[in-house]
Amino acid sequence: MIKFIIPAVVIFLIVLFWDNINEKIYSKFNIKINNIAVIILFFAMGLIFVLLYF
């Protein structure tokens, strides 16, 4: 039960504080985290589709 609750809480906190996380990373590294998240999401989906195809 704990292995399902902890990731759910972590994901909830990331979604809740996404703007604050994005602003801190932008001020430190001068890059928007939204762009990186979209690229990682597309890469992961592409990898899943390739694995399902073969």
PDB file of N, CA and C in Angstrom:
ATOM      1  N   MET A   1       0.825  -1.191   0.000  1.00  0.00           N
ATOM      2  CA  MET A   1       0.000   0.000   0.000  1.00  0.00           C
ATOM      3  C   MET A   1       0.871   1.256   0.000  1.00  0.00           C
ATOM      4  N   ILE A   2       1.966   1.228   0.739  1.00  0.00           N
ATOM      5  CA  ILE A   2       2.872   2.385   0.811  1.00  0.00           C
ATOM      6  C   ILE A   2       3.474   2.672  -0.560  1.00  0.00           C
ATOM      7  N   LYS A   3       3.772   1.626  -1.339  1.00  0.00           N
ATOM      8  CA  LYS A   3       4.406   1.832  -2.640  1.00  0.00           C
ATOM      9  C   LYS A   3       3.477   2.512  -3.635  1.00  0.00           C
ATOM     10  N   PHE A   4       2.179   2.560  -3.357  1.00  0.00           N
ATOM     11  CA  PHE A   4       1.253   3.286  -4.209  1.00  0.00           C
ATOM     12  C   PHE A   4       0.984   4.693  -3.685  1.00  0.00           C
ATOM     13  N   ILE A   5       1.033   4.871  -2.385  1.00  0.00           N
ATOM     14  CA  ILE A   5       0.710   6.170  -1.786  1.00  0.00           C
ATOM     15  C   ILE A   5       1.852   7.169  -1.976  1.00  0.00           C
ATOM     16  N   ILE A   6       3.079   6.744  -1.761  1.00  0.00           N
ATOM     17  CA  ILE A   6       4.225   7.662  -1.848  1.00  0.00           C
ATOM     18  C   ILE A   6       4.378   8.254  -3.251  1.00  0.00           C
ATOM     19  N   PRO A   7       4.376   7.458  -4.331  1.00  0.00           N
ATOM     20  CA  PRO A   7       4.465   8.095  -5.666  1.00  0.00           C
ATOM     21  C   PRO A   7       3.280   9.000  -5.981  1.00  0.00           C
ATOM     22  N   ALA A   8       2.093   8.651  -5.505  1.00  0.00           N
ATOM     23  CA  ALA A   8       0.927   9.502  -5.744  1.00  0.00           C
ATOM     24  C   ALA A   8       1.099  10.852  -5.047  1.00  0.00           C
ATOM     25  N   VAL A   9       1.608  10.849  -3.842  1.00  0.00           N
ATOM     26  CA  VAL A   9       1.840  12.096  -3.110  1.00  0.00           C
ATOM     27  C   VAL A   9       2.929  12.926  -3.795  1.00  0.00           C
ATOM     28  N   VAL A  10       3.984  12.276  -4.251  1.00  0.00           N
ATOM     29  CA  VAL A  10       5.079  12.993  -4.927  1.00  0.00           C
ATOM     30  C   VAL A  10       4.567  13.630  -6.217  1.00  0.00           C
ATOM     31  N   ILE A  11       3.816  12.892  -7.016  1.00  0.00           N
ATOM     32  CA  ILE A  11       3.271  13.443  -8.257  1.00  0.00           C
ATOM     33  C   ILE A  11       2.304  14.585  -7.960  1.00  0.00           C
ATOM     34  N   PHE A  12       1.484  14.431  -6.929  1.00  0.00           N
ATOM     35  CA  PHE A  12       0.553  15.497  -6.543  1.00  0.00           C
ATOM     36  C   PHE A  12       1.312  16.766  -6.152  1.00  0.00           C
ATOM     37  N   LEU A  13       2.387  16.634  -5.385  1.00  0.00           N
ATOM     38  CA  LEU A  13       3.162  17.803  -4.978  1.00  0.00           C
ATOM     39  C   LEU A  13       3.865  18.452  -6.161  1.00  0.00           C
ATOM     40  N   ILE A  14       4.357  17.657  -7.104  1.00  0.00           N
ATOM     41  CA  ILE A  14       4.994  18.226  -8.298  1.00  0.00           C
ATOM     42  C   ILE A  14       3.973  19.016  -9.108  1.00  0.00           C
ATOM     43  N   VAL A  15       2.791  18.463  -9.286  1.00  0.00           N
ATOM     44  CA  VAL A  15       1.746  19.175 -10.027  1.00  0.00           C
ATOM     45  C   VAL A  15       1.318  20.438  -9.283  1.00  0.00           C
ATOM     46  N   LEU A  16       1.214  20.349  -7.982  1.00  0.00           N
ATOM     47  CA  LEU A  16       0.773  21.483  -7.173  1.00  0.00           C
ATOM     48  C   LEU A  16       1.762  22.647  -7.225  1.00  0.00           C
ATOM     49  N   PHE A  17       3.046  22.340  -7.149  1.00  0.00           N
ATOM     50  CA  PHE A  17       4.081  23.376  -7.099  1.00  0.00           C
ATOM     51  C   PHE A  17       4.844  23.519  -8.413  1.00  0.00           C
ATOM     52  N   TRP A  18       4.215  23.166  -9.549  1.00  0.00           N
ATOM     53  CA  TRP A  18       4.907  23.190 -10.838  1.00  0.00           C
ATOM     54  C   TRP A  18       5.383  24.596 -11.194  1.00  0.00           C
ATOM     55  N   ASP A  19       4.598  25.613 -10.956  1.00  0.00           N
ATOM     56  CA  ASP A  19       5.005  26.975 -11.298  1.00  0.00           C
ATOM     57  C   ASP A  19       6.217  27.416 -10.479  1.00  0.00           C
ATOM     58  N   ASN A  20       6.228  27.109  -9.197  1.00  0.00           N
ATOM     59  CA  ASN A  20       7.381  27.475  -8.361  1.00  0.00           C
ATOM     60  C   ASN A  20       8.643  26.739  -8.811  1.00  0.00           C
ATOM     61  N   ILE A  21       8.527  25.470  -9.132  1.00  0.00           N
ATOM     62  CA  ILE A  21       9.681  24.692  -9.599  1.00  0.00           C
ATOM     63  C   ILE A  21      10.185  25.269 -10.916  1.00  0.00           C
ATOM     64  N   ASN A  22       9.264  25.595 -11.802  1.00  0.00           N
ATOM     65  CA  ASN A  22       9.633  26.138 -13.107  1.00  0.00           C
ATOM     66  C   ASN A  22      10.345  27.481 -12.971  1.00  0.00           C
ATOM     67  N   GLU A  23       9.867  28.342 -12.095  1.00  0.00           N
ATOM     68  CA  GLU A  23      10.498  29.650 -11.902  1.00  0.00           C
ATOM     69  C   GLU A  23      11.898  29.527 -11.317  1.00  0.00           C
ATOM     70  N   LYS A  24      12.085  28.633 -10.346  1.00  0.00           N
ATOM     71  CA  LYS A  24      13.415  28.470  -9.740  1.00  0.00           C
ATOM     72  C   LYS A  24      14.424  27.923 -10.739  1.00  0.00           C
ATOM     73  N   ILE A  25      14.019  26.971 -11.550  1.00  0.00           N
ATOM     74  CA  ILE A  25      14.932  26.418 -12.549  1.00  0.00           C
ATOM     75  C   ILE A  25      15.215  27.446 -13.634  1.00  0.00           C
ATOM     76  N   TYR A  26      14.211  28.235 -14.015  1.00  0.00           N
ATOM     77  CA  TYR A  26      14.427  29.272 -15.022  1.00  0.00           C
ATOM     78  C   TYR A  26      15.379  30.344 -14.515  1.00  0.00           C
ATOM     79  N   SER A  27      15.279  30.714 -13.249  1.00  0.00           N
ATOM     80  CA  SER A  27      16.173  31.744 -12.725  1.00  0.00           C
ATOM     81  C   SER A  27      17.602  31.229 -12.571  1.00  0.00           C
ATOM     82  N   LYS A  28      17.757  29.927 -12.306  1.00  0.00           N
ATOM     83  CA  LYS A  28      19.104  29.374 -12.138  1.00  0.00           C
ATOM     84  C   LYS A  28      19.780  29.060 -13.460  1.00  0.00           C
ATOM     85  N   PHE A  29      19.072  28.374 -14.357  1.00  0.00           N
ATOM     86  CA  PHE A  29      19.691  27.863 -15.584  1.00  0.00           C
ATOM     87  C   PHE A  29      19.221  28.576 -16.843  1.00  0.00           C
ATOM     88  N   ASN A  30      18.276  29.508 -16.724  1.00  0.00           N
ATOM     89  CA  ASN A  30      17.744  30.274 -17.850  1.00  0.00           C
ATOM     90  C   ASN A  30      17.166  29.361 -18.931  1.00  0.00           C
ATOM     91  N   ILE A  31      16.454  28.331 -18.514  1.00  0.00           N
ATOM     92  CA  ILE A  31      15.792  27.428 -19.444  1.00  0.00           C
ATOM     93  C   ILE A  31      14.447  27.040 -18.845  1.00  0.00           C
ATOM     94  N   LYS A  32      13.455  26.965 -19.698  1.00  0.00           N
ATOM     95  CA  LYS A  32      12.110  26.593 -19.242  1.00  0.00           C
ATOM     96  C   LYS A  32      12.029  25.081 -19.099  1.00  0.00           C
ATOM     97  N   ILE A  33      11.554  24.604 -17.986  1.00  0.00           N
ATOM     98  CA  ILE A  33      11.435  23.173 -17.723  1.00  0.00           C
ATOM     99  C   ILE A  33      10.288  22.576 -18.527  1.00  0.00           C
ATOM    100  N   ASN A  34       9.323  23.394 -18.952  1.00  0.00           N
ATOM    101  CA  ASN A  34       8.204  22.878 -19.744  1.00  0.00           C
ATOM    102  C   ASN A  34       8.695  22.270 -21.056  1.00  0.00           C
ATOM    103  N   ASN A  35       9.670  22.915 -21.684  1.00  0.00           N
ATOM    104  CA  ASN A  35      10.205  22.395 -22.936  1.00  0.00           C
ATOM    105  C   ASN A  35      10.872  21.041 -22.718  1.00  0.00           C
ATOM    106  N   ILE A  36      11.632  20.916 -21.666  1.00  0.00           N
ATOM    107  CA  ILE A  36      12.315  19.664 -21.364  1.00  0.00           C
ATOM    108  C   ILE A  36      11.304  18.572 -21.043  1.00  0.00           C
ATOM    109  N   ALA A  37      10.264  18.915 -20.296  1.00  0.00           N
ATOM    110  CA  ALA A  37       9.246  17.923 -19.935  1.00  0.00           C
ATOM    111  C   ALA A  37       8.521  17.411 -21.170  1.00  0.00           C
ATOM    112  N   VAL A  38       8.232  18.285 -22.114  1.00  0.00           N
ATOM    113  CA  VAL A  38       7.536  17.863 -23.340  1.00  0.00           C
ATOM    114  C   VAL A  38       8.436  16.965 -24.177  1.00  0.00           C
ATOM    115  N   ILE A  39       9.709  17.295 -24.283  1.00  0.00           N
ATOM    116  CA  ILE A  39      10.644  16.462 -25.044  1.00  0.00           C
ATOM    117  C   ILE A  39      10.778  15.088 -24.405  1.00  0.00           C
ATOM    118  N   ILE A  40      10.899  15.020 -23.093  1.00  0.00           N
ATOM    119  CA  ILE A  40      11.008  13.733 -22.401  1.00  0.00           C
ATOM    120  C   ILE A  40       9.728  12.924 -22.572  1.00  0.00           C
ATOM    121  N   LEU A  41       8.588  13.581 -22.512  1.00  0.00           N
ATOM    122  CA  LEU A  41       7.308  12.893 -22.683  1.00  0.00           C
ATOM    123  C   LEU A  41       7.199  12.277 -24.082  1.00  0.00           C
ATOM    124  N   PHE A  42       7.538  13.043 -25.116  1.00  0.00           N
ATOM    125  CA  PHE A  42       7.480  12.510 -26.474  1.00  0.00           C
ATOM    126  C   PHE A  42       8.484  11.385 -26.680  1.00  0.00           C
ATOM    127  N   PHE A  43       9.664  11.507 -26.107  1.00  0.00           N
ATOM    128  CA  PHE A  43      10.671  10.455 -26.225  1.00  0.00           C
ATOM    129  C   PHE A  43      10.181   9.178 -25.552  1.00  0.00           C
ATOM    130  N   ALA A  44       9.600   9.291 -24.367  1.00  0.00           N
ATOM    131  CA  ALA A  44       9.106   8.114 -23.649  1.00  0.00           C
ATOM    132  C   ALA A  44       7.951   7.470 -24.408  1.00  0.00           C
ATOM    133  N   MET A  45       7.045   8.284 -24.942  1.00  0.00           N
ATOM    134  CA  MET A  45       5.934   7.716 -25.708  1.00  0.00           C
ATOM    135  C   MET A  45       6.433   7.032 -26.977  1.00  0.00           C
ATOM    136  N   GLY A  46       7.396   7.622 -27.640  1.00  0.00           N
ATOM    137  CA  GLY A  46       7.979   7.000 -28.834  1.00  0.00           C
ATOM    138  C   GLY A  46       8.652   5.689 -28.498  1.00  0.00           C
ATOM    139  N   LEU A  47       9.368   5.649 -27.392  1.00  0.00           N
ATOM    140  CA  LEU A  47      10.031   4.421 -26.964  1.00  0.00           C
ATOM    141  C   LEU A  47       9.013   3.334 -26.650  1.00  0.00           C
ATOM    142  N   ILE A  48       7.929   3.696 -25.986  1.00  0.00           N
ATOM    143  CA  ILE A  48       6.877   2.728 -25.673  1.00  0.00           C
ATOM    144  C   ILE A  48       6.247   2.195 -26.961  1.00  0.00           C
ATOM    145  N   PHE A  49       5.964   3.069 -27.914  1.00  0.00           N
ATOM    146  CA  PHE A  49       5.377   2.623 -29.163  1.00  0.00           C
ATOM    147  C   PHE A  49       6.320   1.714 -29.945  1.00  0.00           C
ATOM    148  N   VAL A  50       7.605   2.012 -29.934  1.00  0.00           N
ATOM    149  CA  VAL A  50       8.587   1.163 -30.621  1.00  0.00           C
ATOM    150  C   VAL A  50       8.647  -0.207 -29.943  1.00  0.00           C
ATOM    151  N   LEU A  51       8.644  -0.227 -28.632  1.00  0.00           N
ATOM    152  CA  LEU A  51       8.690  -1.521 -27.925  1.00  0.00           C
ATOM    153  C   LEU A  51       7.409  -2.320 -28.147  1.00  0.00           C
ATOM    154  N   LEU A  52       6.277  -1.653 -28.260  1.00  0.00           N
ATOM    155  CA  LEU A  52       5.035  -2.365 -28.516  1.00  0.00           C
ATOM    156  C   LEU A  52       4.955  -2.877 -29.948  1.00  0.00           C
ATOM    157  N   TYR A  53       5.610  -2.187 -30.868  1.00  0.00           N
ATOM    158  CA  TYR A  53       5.581  -2.593 -32.268  1.00  0.00           C
ATOM    159  C   TYR A  53       6.383  -3.873 -32.505  1.00  0.00           C
ATOM    160  N   PHE A  54       7.528  -3.991 -31.845  1.00  0.00           N
ATOM    161  CA  PHE A  54       8.402  -5.156 -32.069  1.00  0.00           C
ATOM    162  C   PHE A  54       8.155  -6.241 -31.099  1.00  0.00           C
TER     163      PHE A  54
END
